[in-house]
Amino acid sequence: MSAQQPGEHELEIDWTRCDGHGLCATLLPDDIVLDEWGFPVLNGRRVTAGELTNARRVTLACPALALRLRRL
């Protein structure tokens, strides 16, 4: 399967990198909310094919490079 084909994906956070900037929650509010300290909380569901482009944008926009989009 090529990188352009939709498949099963999920977002992951690398906690060793995350600084709690909150940009991810602003860009993908249906999948990421911020906790009381400003750190992201993922909703735990898989990224749908329709959300894949936006999920890729969010991972690239993270200032700390703490988000990953993992193919299942």
PDB file of N, CA and C in Angstrom:
ATOM      1  N   MET A   1       0.836  -1.167   0.000  1.00  0.00           N
ATOM      2  CA  MET A   1       0.000   0.000   0.000  1.00  0.00           C
ATOM      3  C   MET A   1       0.886   1.238   0.000  1.00  0.00           C
ATOM      4  N   SER A   2       0.620   2.187  -0.865  1.00  0.00           N
ATOM      5  CA  SER A   2       1.445   3.395  -0.926  1.00  0.00           C
ATOM      6  C   SER A   2       1.036   4.367   0.171  1.00  0.00           C
ATOM      7  N   ALA A   3       1.859   5.371   0.403  1.00  0.00           N
ATOM      8  CA  ALA A   3       1.596   6.349   1.453  1.00  0.00           C
ATOM      9  C   ALA A   3       0.360   7.194   1.143  1.00  0.00           C
ATOM     10  N   GLN A   4      -0.055   7.255  -0.109  1.00  0.00           N
ATOM     11  CA  GLN A   4      -1.200   8.062  -0.490  1.00  0.00           C
ATOM     12  C   GLN A   4      -2.533   7.336  -0.326  1.00  0.00           C
ATOM     13  N   GLN A   5      -2.521   6.030  -0.187  1.00  0.00           N
ATOM     14  CA  GLN A   5      -3.760   5.280  -0.061  1.00  0.00           C
ATOM     15  C   GLN A   5      -4.243   5.303   1.377  1.00  0.00           C
ATOM     16  N   PRO A   6      -5.562   5.521   1.562  1.00  0.00           N
ATOM     17  CA  PRO A   6      -6.076   5.505   2.917  1.00  0.00           C
ATOM     18  C   PRO A   6      -6.040   4.101   3.497  1.00  0.00           C
ATOM     19  N   GLY A   7      -5.805   4.017   4.766  1.00  0.00           N
ATOM     20  CA  GLY A   7      -5.810   2.756   5.478  1.00  0.00           C
ATOM     21  C   GLY A   7      -6.112   3.046   6.931  1.00  0.00           C
ATOM     22  N   GLU A   8      -5.867   2.109   7.769  1.00  0.00           N
ATOM     23  CA  GLU A   8      -6.086   2.293   9.190  1.00  0.00           C
ATOM     24  C   GLU A   8      -4.904   3.057   9.784  1.00  0.00           C
ATOM     25  N   HIS A   9      -5.173   4.200  10.400  1.00  0.00           N
ATOM     26  CA  HIS A   9      -4.147   5.033  11.028  1.00  0.00           C
ATOM     27  C   HIS A   9      -4.628   5.489  12.397  1.00  0.00           C
ATOM     28  N   GLU A  10      -3.674   5.848  13.243  1.00  0.00           N
ATOM     29  CA  GLU A  10      -4.010   6.491  14.504  1.00  0.00           C
ATOM     30  C   GLU A  10      -2.918   7.482  14.866  1.00  0.00           C
ATOM     31  N   LEU A  11      -3.311   8.496  15.613  1.00  0.00           N
ATOM     32  CA  LEU A  11      -2.355   9.491  16.087  1.00  0.00           C
ATOM     33  C   LEU A  11      -1.713   9.002  17.371  1.00  0.00           C
ATOM     34  N   GLU A  12      -0.446   9.335  17.539  1.00  0.00           N
ATOM     35  CA  GLU A  12       0.290   9.023  18.763  1.00  0.00           C
ATOM     36  C   GLU A  12       1.045  10.272  19.201  1.00  0.00           C
ATOM     37  N   ILE A  13       1.262  10.383  20.495  1.00  0.00           N
ATOM     38  CA  ILE A  13       2.035  11.496  21.041  1.00  0.00           C
ATOM     39  C   ILE A  13       3.322  10.954  21.634  1.00  0.00           C
ATOM     40  N   ASP A  14       4.428  11.563  21.280  1.00  0.00           N
ATOM     41  CA  ASP A  14       5.713  11.248  21.892  1.00  0.00           C
ATOM     42  C   ASP A  14       5.869  12.190  23.083  1.00  0.00           C
ATOM     43  N   TRP A  15       5.605  11.672  24.278  1.00  0.00           N
ATOM     44  CA  TRP A  15       5.596  12.508  25.479  1.00  0.00           C
ATOM     45  C   TRP A  15       6.977  13.040  25.838  1.00  0.00           C
ATOM     46  N   THR A  16       8.021  12.458  25.318  1.00  0.00           N
ATOM     47  CA  THR A  16       9.353  12.994  25.584  1.00  0.00           C
ATOM     48  C   THR A  16       9.597  14.281  24.796  1.00  0.00           C
ATOM     49  N   ARG A  17       8.780  14.533  23.784  1.00  0.00           N
ATOM     50  CA  ARG A  17       8.922  15.730  22.951  1.00  0.00           C
ATOM     51  C   ARG A  17       7.850  16.785  23.213  1.00  0.00           C
ATOM     52  N   CYS A  18       6.662  16.377  23.639  1.00  0.00           N
ATOM     53  CA  CYS A  18       5.529  17.294  23.748  1.00  0.00           C
ATOM     54  C   CYS A  18       5.792  18.368  24.802  1.00  0.00           C
ATOM     55  N   ASP A  19       5.602  19.633  24.394  1.00  0.00           N
ATOM     56  CA  ASP A  19       5.775  20.777  25.289  1.00  0.00           C
ATOM     57  C   ASP A  19       4.449  21.453  25.626  1.00  0.00           C
ATOM     58  N   GLY A  20       3.332  20.904  25.124  1.00  0.00           N
ATOM     59  CA  GLY A  20       2.021  21.468  25.431  1.00  0.00           C
ATOM     60  C   GLY A  20       1.721  22.774  24.732  1.00  0.00           C
ATOM     61  N   HIS A  21       2.183  22.931  23.504  1.00  0.00           N
ATOM     62  CA  HIS A  21       1.900  24.153  22.749  1.00  0.00           C
ATOM     63  C   HIS A  21       0.407  24.301  22.450  1.00  0.00           C
ATOM     64  N   GLY A  22      -0.290  23.189  22.213  1.00  0.00           N
ATOM     65  CA  GLY A  22      -1.731  23.207  21.975  1.00  0.00           C
ATOM     66  C   GLY A  22      -2.143  23.419  20.541  1.00  0.00           C
ATOM     67  N   LEU A  23      -1.210  23.579  19.643  1.00  0.00           N
ATOM     68  CA  LEU A  23      -1.540  23.795  18.241  1.00  0.00           C
ATOM     69  C   LEU A  23      -2.331  22.622  17.660  1.00  0.00           C
ATOM     70  N   CYS A  24      -1.997  21.421  18.060  1.00  0.00           N
ATOM     71  CA  CYS A  24      -2.669  20.229  17.543  1.00  0.00           C
ATOM     72  C   CYS A  24      -4.166  20.251  17.848  1.00  0.00           C
ATOM     73  N   ALA A  25      -4.539  20.682  19.048  1.00  0.00           N
ATOM     74  CA  ALA A  25      -5.951  20.738  19.427  1.00  0.00           C
ATOM     75  C   ALA A  25      -6.689  21.823  18.646  1.00  0.00           C
ATOM     76  N   THR A  26      -5.978  22.877  18.309  1.00  0.00           N
ATOM     77  CA  THR A  26      -6.584  23.942  17.507  1.00  0.00           C
ATOM     78  C   THR A  26      -6.839  23.468  16.082  1.00  0.00           C
ATOM     79  N   LEU A  27      -5.908  22.703  15.537  1.00  0.00           N
ATOM     80  CA  LEU A  27      -6.008  22.254  14.151  1.00  0.00           C
ATOM     81  C   LEU A  27      -6.873  21.010  13.966  1.00  0.00           C
ATOM     82  N   LEU A  28      -7.020  20.193  14.995  1.00  0.00           N
ATOM     83  CA  LEU A  28      -7.792  18.951  14.886  1.00  0.00           C
ATOM     84  C   LEU A  28      -8.672  18.774  16.134  1.00  0.00           C
ATOM     85  N   PRO A  29      -9.623  19.698  16.339  1.00  0.00           N
ATOM     86  CA  PRO A  29     -10.392  19.707  17.589  1.00  0.00           C
ATOM     87  C   PRO A  29     -11.321  18.512  17.789  1.00  0.00           C
ATOM     88  N   ASP A  30     -11.684  17.806  16.728  1.00  0.00           N
ATOM     89  CA  ASP A  30     -12.540  16.625  16.887  1.00  0.00           C
ATOM     90  C   ASP A  30     -11.778  15.426  17.433  1.00  0.00           C
ATOM     91  N   ASP A  31     -10.469  15.443  17.320  1.00  0.00           N
ATOM     92  CA  ASP A  31      -9.661  14.306  17.743  1.00  0.00           C
ATOM     93  C   ASP A  31      -8.745  14.602  18.928  1.00  0.00           C
ATOM     94  N   ILE A  32      -8.467  15.885  19.170  1.00  0.00           N
ATOM     95  CA  ILE A  32      -7.524  16.248  20.223  1.00  0.00           C
ATOM     96  C   ILE A  32      -8.108  17.383  21.052  1.00  0.00           C
ATOM     97  N   VAL A  33      -8.127  17.203  22.364  1.00  0.00           N
ATOM     98  CA  VAL A  33      -8.503  18.272  23.287  1.00  0.00           C
ATOM     99  C   VAL A  33      -7.327  18.492  24.235  1.00  0.00           C
ATOM    100  N   LEU A  34      -7.344  19.605  24.934  1.00  0.00           N
ATOM    101  CA  LEU A  34      -6.273  19.893  25.870  1.00  0.00           C
ATOM    102  C   LEU A  34      -6.739  19.592  27.294  1.00  0.00           C
ATOM    103  N   ASP A  35      -5.832  19.037  28.097  1.00  0.00           N
ATOM    104  CA  ASP A  35      -6.161  18.780  29.497  1.00  0.00           C
ATOM    105  C   ASP A  35      -6.016  20.079  30.292  1.00  0.00           C
ATOM    106  N   GLU A  36      -6.187  20.013  31.587  1.00  0.00           N
ATOM    107  CA  GLU A  36      -6.167  21.215  32.416  1.00  0.00           C
ATOM    108  C   GLU A  36      -4.809  21.920  32.447  1.00  0.00           C
ATOM    109  N   TRP A  37      -3.740  21.220  32.030  1.00  0.00           N
ATOM    110  CA  TRP A  37      -2.398  21.810  31.996  1.00  0.00           C
ATOM    111  C   TRP A  37      -1.986  22.221  30.587  1.00  0.00           C
ATOM    112  N   GLY A  38      -2.894  22.036  29.609  1.00  0.00           N
ATOM    113  CA  GLY A  38      -2.611  22.442  28.238  1.00  0.00           C
ATOM    114  C   GLY A  38      -1.967  21.373  27.376  1.00  0.00           C
ATOM    115  N   PHE A  39      -1.915  20.141  27.866  1.00  0.00           N
ATOM    116  CA  PHE A  39      -1.337  19.056  27.086  1.00  0.00           C
ATOM    117  C   PHE A  39      -2.433  18.308  26.325  1.00  0.00           C
ATOM    118  N   PRO A  40      -2.100  17.776  25.151  1.00  0.00           N
ATOM    119  CA  PRO A  40      -3.114  17.129  24.323  1.00  0.00           C
ATOM    120  C   PRO A  40      -3.589  15.796  24.886  1.00  0.00           C
ATOM    121  N   VAL A  41      -4.864  15.544  24.650  1.00  0.00           N
ATOM    122  CA  VAL A  41      -5.478  14.262  24.976  1.00  0.00           C
ATOM    123  C   VAL A  41      -6.142  13.775  23.702  1.00  0.00           C
ATOM    124  N   LEU A  42      -5.743  12.598  23.245  1.00  0.00           N
ATOM    125  CA  LEU A  42      -6.311  12.029  22.030  1.00  0.00           C
ATOM    126  C   LEU A  42      -7.621  11.324  22.357  1.00  0.00           C
ATOM    127  N   ASN A  43      -8.545  11.344  21.403  1.00  0.00           N
ATOM    128  CA  ASN A  43      -9.827  10.696  21.650  1.00  0.00           C
ATOM    129  C   ASN A  43      -9.750   9.170  21.537  1.00  0.00           C
ATOM    130  N   GLY A  44      -8.639   8.648  21.052  1.00  0.00           N
ATOM    131  CA  GLY A  44      -8.421   7.207  21.017  1.00  0.00           C
ATOM    132  C   GLY A  44      -9.017   6.475  19.838  1.00  0.00           C
ATOM    133  N   ARG A  45      -9.702   7.174  18.982  1.00  0.00           N
ATOM    134  CA  ARG A  45     -10.269   6.478  17.821  1.00  0.00           C
ATOM    135  C   ARG A  45      -9.319   6.565  16.635  1.00  0.00           C
ATOM    136  N   ARG A  46      -9.546   5.709  15.700  1.00  0.00           N
ATOM    137  CA  ARG A  46      -8.701   5.700  14.502  1.00  0.00           C
ATOM    138  C   ARG A  46      -9.034   6.874  13.596  1.00  0.00           C
ATOM    139  N   VAL A  47      -8.055   7.280  12.830  1.00  0.00           N
ATOM    140  CA  VAL A  47      -8.221   8.372  11.876  1.00  0.00           C
ATOM    141  C   VAL A  47      -8.925   7.809  10.644  1.00  0.00           C
ATOM    142  N   THR A  48     -10.030   8.437  10.269  1.00  0.00           N
ATOM    143  CA  THR A  48     -10.770   7.977   9.100  1.00  0.00           C
ATOM    144  C   THR A  48     -10.068   8.440   7.821  1.00  0.00           C
ATOM    145  N   ALA A  49     -10.440   7.848   6.710  1.00  0.00           N
ATOM    146  CA  ALA A  49      -9.839   8.216   5.424  1.00  0.00           C
ATOM    147  C   ALA A  49     -10.076   9.693   5.122  1.00  0.00           C
ATOM    148  N   GLY A  50     -11.233  10.217   5.503  1.00  0.00           N
ATOM    149  CA  GLY A  50     -11.554  11.619   5.266  1.00  0.00           C
ATOM    150  C   GLY A  50     -10.753  12.574   6.138  1.00  0.00           C
ATOM    151  N   GLU A  51     -10.235  12.094   7.257  1.00  0.00           N
ATOM    152  CA  GLU A  51      -9.457  12.925   8.169  1.00  0.00           C
ATOM    153  C   GLU A  51      -7.952  12.797   7.960  1.00  0.00           C
ATOM    154  N   LEU A  52      -7.546  11.893   7.113  1.00  0.00           N
ATOM    155  CA  LEU A  52      -6.133  11.575   6.958  1.00  0.00           C
ATOM    156  C   LEU A  52      -5.294  12.780   6.530  1.00  0.00           C
ATOM    157  N   THR A  53      -5.772  13.562   5.591  1.00  0.00           N
ATOM    158  CA  THR A  53      -5.019  14.729   5.130  1.00  0.00           C
ATOM    159  C   THR A  53      -4.818  15.723   6.274  1.00  0.00           C
ATOM    160  N   ASN A  54      -5.881  16.000   7.034  1.00  0.00           N
ATOM    161  CA  ASN A  54      -5.758  16.935   8.157  1.00  0.00           C
ATOM    162  C   ASN A  54      -4.868  16.366   9.256  1.00  0.00           C
ATOM    163  N   ALA A  55      -4.933  15.077   9.504  1.00  0.00           N
ATOM    164  CA  ALA A  55      -4.077  14.455  10.516  1.00  0.00           C
ATOM    165  C   ALA A  55      -2.609  14.563  10.108  1.00  0.00           C
ATOM    166  N   ARG A  56      -2.321  14.408   8.836  1.00  0.00           N
ATOM    167  CA  ARG A  56      -0.941  14.578   8.354  1.00  0.00           C
ATOM    168  C   ARG A  56      -0.469  16.014   8.547  1.00  0.00           C
ATOM    169  N   ARG A  57      -1.352  16.972   8.260  1.00  0.00           N
ATOM    170  CA  ARG A  57      -0.995  18.385   8.435  1.00  0.00           C
ATOM    171  C   ARG A  57      -0.680  18.694   9.896  1.00  0.00           C
ATOM    172  N   VAL A  58      -1.472  18.135  10.792  1.00  0.00           N
ATOM    173  CA  VAL A  58      -1.255  18.390  12.219  1.00  0.00           C
ATOM    174  C   VAL A  58       0.083  17.821  12.669  1.00  0.00           C
ATOM    175  N   THR A  59       0.423  16.626  12.223  1.00  0.00           N
ATOM    176  CA  THR A  59       1.700  16.042  12.632  1.00  0.00           C
ATOM    177  C   THR A  59       2.871  16.869  12.116  1.00  0.00           C
ATOM    178  N   LEU A  60       2.743  17.421  10.933  1.00  0.00           N
ATOM    179  CA  LEU A  60       3.812  18.250  10.375  1.00  0.00           C
ATOM    180  C   LEU A  60       3.870  19.630  11.030  1.00  0.00           C
ATOM    181  N   ALA A  61       2.743  20.130  11.537  1.00  0.00           N
ATOM    182  CA  ALA A  61       2.687  21.459  12.128  1.00  0.00           C
ATOM    183  C   ALA A  61       3.136  21.495  13.588  1.00  0.00           C
ATOM    184  N   CYS A  62       3.226  20.355  14.229  1.00  0.00           N
ATOM    185  CA  CYS A  62       3.599  20.320  15.643  1.00  0.00           C
ATOM    186  C   CYS A  62       4.979  20.943  15.840  1.00  0.00           C
ATOM    187  N   PRO A  63       5.082  22.017  16.643  1.00  0.00           N
ATOM    188  CA  PRO A  63       6.371  22.687  16.832  1.00  0.00           C
ATOM    189  C   PRO A  63       7.430  21.807  17.489  1.00  0.00           C
ATOM    190  N   ALA A  64       6.993  20.841  18.288  1.00  0.00           N
ATOM    191  CA  ALA A  64       7.935  19.964  18.984  1.00  0.00           C
ATOM    192  C   ALA A  64       8.124  18.629  18.273  1.00  0.00           C
ATOM    193  N   LEU A  65       7.447  18.452  17.144  1.00  0.00           N
ATOM    194  CA  LEU A  65       7.487  17.188  16.392  1.00  0.00           C
ATOM    195  C   LEU A  65       7.114  16.006  17.289  1.00  0.00           C
ATOM    196  N   ALA A  66       6.099  16.219  18.116  1.00  0.00           N
ATOM    197  CA  ALA A  66       5.693  15.203  19.093  1.00  0.00           C
ATOM    198  C   ALA A  66       4.573  14.300  18.604  1.00  0.00           C
ATOM    199  N   LEU A  67       3.940  14.639  17.497  1.00  0.00           N
ATOM    200  CA  LEU A  67       2.842  13.817  16.981  1.00  0.00           C
ATOM    201  C   LEU A  67       3.322  12.894  15.877  1.00  0.00           C
ATOM    202  N   ARG A  68       2.759  11.708  15.872  1.00  0.00           N
ATOM    203  CA  ARG A  68       3.025  10.740  14.800  1.00  0.00           C
ATOM    204  C   ARG A  68       1.712  10.188  14.307  1.00  0.00           C
ATOM    205  N   LEU A  69       1.660   9.916  13.029  1.00  0.00           N
ATOM    206  CA  LEU A  69       0.530   9.245  12.421  1.00  0.00           C
ATOM    207  C   LEU A  69       0.996   7.847  12.089  1.00  0.00           C
ATOM    208  N   ARG A  70       0.467   6.883  12.810  1.00  0.00           N
ATOM    209  CA  ARG A  70       0.941   5.498  12.663  1.00  0.00           C
ATOM    210  C   ARG A  70      -0.075   4.671  11.886  1.00  0.00           C
ATOM    211  N   ARG A  71       0.431   3.971  10.882  1.00  0.00           N
ATOM    212  CA  ARG A  71      -0.404   3.041  10.124  1.00  0.00           C
ATOM    213  C   ARG A  71      -0.535   1.756  10.926  1.00  0.00           C
ATOM    214  N   LEU A  72      -1.750   1.262  11.024  1.00  0.00           N
ATOM    215  CA  LEU A  72      -2.009   0.035  11.782  1.00  0.00           C
ATOM    216  C   LEU A  72      -1.916  -1.185  10.899  1.00  0.00           C
TER     217      LEU A  72
END
